[in-house]
């Protein structure tokens, strides 16, 4: 009887030890896999700012008549201000303030653009860093690194500015704003210098090569104590160009 009990005890002890070893091995493997996943995720996060700048990971600018590669974003509200800072029209400033929603996962950069009849310089962005600015078909296009990966549904606000030179030298002038990505509301405002207010304003929409005048509620109004033009546009059409013309 003692022999049987000893054999049974030895068998049970051996199997319990084997089971315990198997459980510990499984736990160790699971823990190793967990930590390996955490290490990989941490490594990817730490190296993301570097890997995004590698040549084969960069988003190549798309050539076209306008910065038409903004489909990753939707603008809830965009306000464009053009400040005519000198009476002769030689100096002016462009400012675009936008509230954006990200449409796709892992957005790390996007483009802002401005057109200029003369020259543009001094580009700046409130959010992120301007990596480069190129000129394509009359548009100055700035590639902006957001500094982080933004997920789908993320929201951010940005203000993009540029200094304009020799762009409004005639008595009859205009400003054109192309809708490069879906926009729910656009406000165009032209600020005039003291002593040279606008005398007449027309609004047009350019569809392809057609330029047609439209009836709107655009009006000459006071802006920051001086005369200006304000045009509110609800749901502007993607790729259309909205054009303000004035005499001053």
Protein backbone atom coordinates (compact mmCIF):
# COMPACT_ATOMS: atom_id res chain seq x y z
CA UNK A 1 0.00 0.00 0.00
CA UNK A 2 2.82 2.39 0.84
CA UNK A 3 4.46 1.60 -2.48
CA UNK A 4 1.27 2.39 -4.37
CA UNK A 5 0.82 5.64 -2.41
CA UNK A 6 4.40 6.65 -3.08
CA UNK A 7 4.07 5.87 -6.78
CA UNK A 8 0.81 7.85 -6.99
CA UNK A 9 2.32 10.76 -5.11
CA UNK A 10 5.36 10.74 -7.38
CA UNK A 11 3.18 10.57 -10.50
CA UNK A 12 0.99 13.44 -9.28
CA UNK A 13 3.97 15.54 -8.25
CA UNK A 14 5.67 14.99 -11.59
CA UNK A 15 2.57 15.94 -13.56
CA UNK A 16 1.84 18.94 -11.38
CA UNK A 17 5.40 20.12 -11.91
CA UNK A 18 5.03 19.60 -15.65
CA UNK A 19 1.71 21.48 -15.69
CA UNK A 20 3.19 24.31 -13.62
CA UNK A 21 6.18 24.52 -15.93
CA UNK A 22 3.88 24.60 -18.98
CA UNK A 23 1.75 27.35 -17.43
CA UNK A 24 4.82 29.39 -16.51
CA UNK A 25 6.17 28.92 -20.03
CA UNK A 26 2.88 30.09 -21.53
CA UNK A 27 2.79 33.10 -19.22
CA UNK A 28 6.38 33.95 -20.05
CA UNK A 29 5.68 33.68 -23.78
CA UNK A 30 2.56 35.84 -23.49
CA UNK A 31 4.43 38.40 -21.40
CA UNK A 32 7.31 38.41 -23.87
CA UNK A 33 4.92 38.92 -26.78
CA UNK A 34 3.17 41.71 -24.88
CA UNK A 35 6.38 43.53 -24.08
CA UNK A 36 7.69 42.96 -27.60
CA UNK A 37 4.51 44.60 -28.96
CA UNK A 38 4.87 47.48 -26.52
CA UNK A 39 8.54 47.92 -27.44
CA UNK A 40 7.72 47.90 -31.17
CA UNK A 41 4.91 50.41 -30.69
CA UNK A 42 7.16 52.61 -28.56
CA UNK A 43 9.95 52.40 -31.09
CA UNK A 44 7.63 53.34 -33.95
CA UNK A 45 6.28 56.28 -31.95
CA UNK A 46 9.77 57.50 -31.02
CA UNK A 47 11.13 57.18 -34.55
CA UNK A 48 8.03 58.54 -36.36
CA UNK A 49 9.39 62.14 -36.68
CA UNK A 50 12.55 60.72 -38.29
CA UNK A 51 11.00 58.08 -40.55
CA UNK A 52 8.48 60.60 -41.91
CA UNK A 53 11.39 62.63 -43.29
CA UNK A 54 13.07 59.76 -45.11
CA UNK A 55 12.89 60.30 -48.89
CA UNK A 56 10.89 57.13 -49.57
CA UNK A 57 8.28 58.01 -46.92
CA UNK A 58 7.65 61.59 -47.99
CA UNK A 59 4.41 62.60 -49.67
CA UNK A 60 5.32 63.95 -53.09
CA UNK A 61 3.72 67.25 -54.14
CA UNK A 62 1.13 66.80 -56.87
CA UNK A 63 1.54 69.23 -59.73
CA UNK A 64 -1.55 71.06 -60.90
CA UNK A 65 -3.20 74.43 -61.27
CA UNK A 66 -3.77 74.57 -57.51
CA UNK A 67 -2.98 72.64 -54.34
CA UNK A 68 -5.54 69.91 -55.16
CA UNK A 69 -4.08 67.22 -52.90
CA UNK A 70 -5.98 68.22 -49.75
CA UNK A 71 -8.60 65.43 -49.78
CA UNK A 72 -7.40 64.27 -46.35
CA UNK A 73 -9.00 67.38 -44.84
CA UNK A 74 -12.38 69.09 -44.68
CA UNK A 75 -12.74 72.73 -43.68
CA UNK A 76 -15.66 73.58 -41.43
CA UNK A 77 -14.89 77.29 -41.69
CA UNK A 78 -12.26 79.18 -43.65
CA UNK A 79 -11.74 82.94 -43.36
CA UNK A 80 -9.43 84.57 -45.91
CA UNK A 81 -8.21 88.11 -45.24
CA UNK A 82 -6.24 90.18 -47.75
CA UNK A 83 -4.78 93.30 -46.15
CA UNK A 84 -3.80 96.06 -48.61
CA UNK A 85 -1.23 97.72 -46.41
CA UNK A 86 -0.08 100.48 -48.78
CA UNK A 87 -2.08 102.99 -50.82
CA UNK A 88 -0.15 102.16 -54.01
CA UNK A 89 -0.97 98.45 -53.69
CA UNK A 90 2.66 97.37 -53.63
CA UNK A 91 2.49 95.87 -50.15
CA UNK A 92 -0.18 93.51 -48.89
CA UNK A 93 -0.61 90.48 -46.68
CA UNK A 94 -2.54 87.24 -47.06
CA UNK A 95 -4.00 85.40 -44.09
CA UNK A 96 -6.05 82.21 -44.12
CA UNK A 97 -7.59 80.92 -40.88
CA UNK A 98 -9.21 77.47 -41.08
CA UNK A 99 -10.91 74.94 -38.82
CA UNK A 100 -10.04 71.49 -40.15
CA UNK A 101 -11.32 67.95 -39.65
CA UNK A 102 -9.03 65.04 -40.58
CA UNK A 103 -10.70 62.54 -42.92
CA UNK A 104 -8.06 59.80 -43.00
CA UNK A 105 -5.86 58.07 -40.44
CA UNK A 106 -2.24 59.03 -39.76
CA UNK A 107 -2.15 62.49 -41.35
CA UNK A 108 1.27 64.02 -40.67
CA UNK A 109 1.40 66.85 -43.22
CA UNK A 110 -0.74 68.90 -45.55
CA UNK A 111 -0.43 71.81 -47.99
CA UNK A 112 -1.52 75.45 -47.98
CA UNK A 113 -1.29 77.66 -51.04
CA UNK A 114 -1.62 81.25 -52.15
CA UNK A 115 -1.59 82.88 -55.58
CA UNK A 116 0.11 86.18 -56.33
CA UNK A 117 0.15 88.42 -59.41
CA UNK A 118 3.52 89.73 -58.22
CA UNK A 119 5.64 87.91 -55.67
CA UNK A 120 5.03 86.27 -52.30
CA UNK A 121 7.41 85.68 -49.40
CA UNK A 122 7.54 85.39 -45.61
CA UNK A 123 5.32 82.32 -45.41
CA UNK A 124 4.30 81.29 -41.89
CA UNK A 125 2.06 78.75 -40.18
CA UNK A 126 0.65 78.81 -36.67
CA UNK A 127 0.40 75.00 -36.51
CA UNK A 128 3.33 72.80 -37.48
CA UNK A 129 6.38 73.70 -39.52
CA UNK A 130 6.72 74.75 -43.15
CA UNK A 131 9.10 72.22 -44.66
CA UNK A 132 9.27 73.78 -48.12
CA UNK A 133 7.43 76.22 -50.38
CA UNK A 134 7.38 75.72 -54.15
CA UNK A 135 5.84 77.72 -56.97
CA UNK A 136 3.57 75.85 -59.35
CA UNK A 137 1.54 77.51 -62.11
CA UNK A 138 1.28 80.81 -60.27
CA UNK A 139 0.60 79.25 -56.86
CA UNK A 140 3.00 79.25 -53.96
CA UNK A 141 2.43 75.93 -52.20
CA UNK A 142 3.77 75.30 -48.68
CA UNK A 143 4.16 71.77 -47.33
CA UNK A 144 3.40 71.85 -43.61
CA UNK A 145 4.67 69.15 -41.22
CA UNK A 146 2.12 68.86 -38.41
CA UNK A 147 4.70 67.41 -36.01
CA UNK A 148 2.47 64.47 -35.05
CA UNK A 149 0.22 61.81 -36.56
CA UNK A 150 -3.40 62.95 -36.53
CA UNK A 151 -6.12 60.30 -36.52
CA UNK A 152 -9.38 60.35 -38.46
CA UNK A 153 -11.85 62.72 -36.84
CA UNK A 154 -9.16 64.88 -35.27
CA UNK A 155 -9.69 68.65 -35.41
CA UNK A 156 -7.19 71.45 -35.54
CA UNK A 157 -7.07 75.15 -36.34
CA UNK A 158 -4.37 76.82 -38.36
CA UNK A 159 -3.47 80.29 -39.61
CA UNK A 160 -1.33 80.48 -42.73
CA UNK A 161 0.10 83.85 -43.83
CA UNK A 162 2.25 85.29 -46.60
CA UNK A 163 3.57 88.71 -47.57
CA UNK A 164 2.53 89.85 -51.07
CA UNK A 165 4.53 92.26 -53.21
CA UNK A 166 3.42 94.32 -56.25
CA UNK A 167 0.10 92.49 -56.54
CA UNK A 168 -2.48 95.33 -56.63
CA UNK A 169 -1.02 98.10 -58.78
CA UNK A 170 -4.05 98.96 -60.97
CA UNK A 171 -7.23 100.93 -60.29
CA UNK A 172 -9.24 97.83 -61.17
CA UNK A 173 -8.06 94.80 -59.21
CA UNK A 174 -9.28 91.39 -58.05
CA UNK A 175 -8.64 88.50 -55.69
CA UNK A 176 -9.31 84.85 -56.55
CA UNK A 177 -9.72 82.02 -54.06
CA UNK A 178 -9.83 78.43 -55.26
CA UNK A 179 -11.63 75.75 -53.24
CA UNK A 180 -8.96 73.05 -53.06
CA UNK A 181 -10.80 70.75 -50.64
CA UNK A 182 -14.36 70.40 -49.24
CA UNK A 183 -15.37 73.56 -47.36
CA UNK A 184 -18.63 74.23 -45.53
CA UNK A 185 -18.28 78.00 -45.23
CA UNK A 186 -15.88 80.49 -46.78
CA UNK A 187 -15.52 84.15 -45.86
CA UNK A 188 -13.49 86.46 -48.11
CA UNK A 189 -12.47 89.86 -46.73
CA UNK A 190 -10.44 92.56 -48.46
CA UNK A 191 -9.08 95.28 -46.13
CA UNK A 192 -8.33 98.62 -47.80
CA UNK A 193 -5.85 101.26 -46.65
CA UNK A 194 -6.96 104.55 -45.18
CA UNK A 195 -7.61 107.11 -47.88
CA UNK A 196 -8.23 104.63 -50.70
CA UNK A 197 -11.49 102.71 -50.12
CA UNK A 198 -13.26 100.52 -52.72
CA UNK A 199 -15.77 102.29 -54.98
CA UNK A 200 -17.35 99.32 -56.75
CA UNK A 201 -17.37 95.56 -56.21
CA UNK A 202 -18.31 92.59 -58.42
CA UNK A 203 -18.41 88.90 -57.59
CA UNK A 204 -17.66 86.15 -60.07
CA UNK A 205 -17.28 82.37 -60.10
CA UNK A 206 -14.78 80.72 -62.42
CA UNK A 207 -15.80 77.22 -63.48
CA UNK A 208 -13.12 75.72 -65.68
CA UNK A 209 -12.42 78.47 -68.22
CA UNK A 210 -15.81 80.18 -67.82
CA UNK A 211 -15.92 83.40 -65.80
CA UNK A 212 -19.44 84.45 -64.85
CA UNK A 213 -20.74 87.23 -62.64
CA UNK A 214 -23.04 86.15 -59.80
CA UNK A 215 -25.48 87.93 -57.53
CA UNK A 216 -24.45 87.68 -53.90
CA UNK A 217 -24.73 89.52 -50.62
CA UNK A 218 -21.10 90.65 -50.87
CA UNK A 219 -20.86 94.22 -49.71
CA UNK A 220 -18.59 97.12 -48.89
CA UNK A 221 -18.42 97.30 -45.12
CA UNK A 222 -16.29 98.65 -42.30
CA UNK A 223 -13.43 96.37 -41.28
CA UNK A 224 -11.33 97.38 -38.27
CA UNK A 225 -12.24 101.04 -38.73
CA UNK A 226 -11.54 101.18 -42.48
CA UNK A 227 -13.54 100.28 -45.57
CA UNK A 228 -13.43 96.74 -46.87
CA UNK A 229 -15.26 94.07 -48.85
CA UNK A 230 -16.93 91.05 -47.24
CA UNK A 231 -18.24 88.02 -49.14
CA UNK A 232 -19.84 85.12 -47.25
CA UNK A 233 -20.10 81.87 -49.22
CA UNK A 234 -22.02 78.88 -47.90
CA UNK A 235 -20.92 75.44 -49.20
CA UNK A 236 -18.60 76.68 -51.98
CA UNK A 237 -18.15 74.18 -54.78
CA UNK A 238 -14.98 72.12 -54.79
CA UNK A 239 -12.44 73.23 -57.45
CA UNK A 240 -14.37 76.41 -58.29
CA UNK A 241 -12.63 79.78 -58.07
CA UNK A 242 -14.41 82.63 -56.28
CA UNK A 243 -13.33 86.01 -57.59
CA UNK A 244 -13.78 89.46 -56.07
CA UNK A 245 -13.28 92.43 -58.41
CA UNK A 246 -13.17 96.05 -57.30
CA UNK A 247 -12.42 99.61 -58.35
CA UNK A 248 -10.48 101.76 -55.89
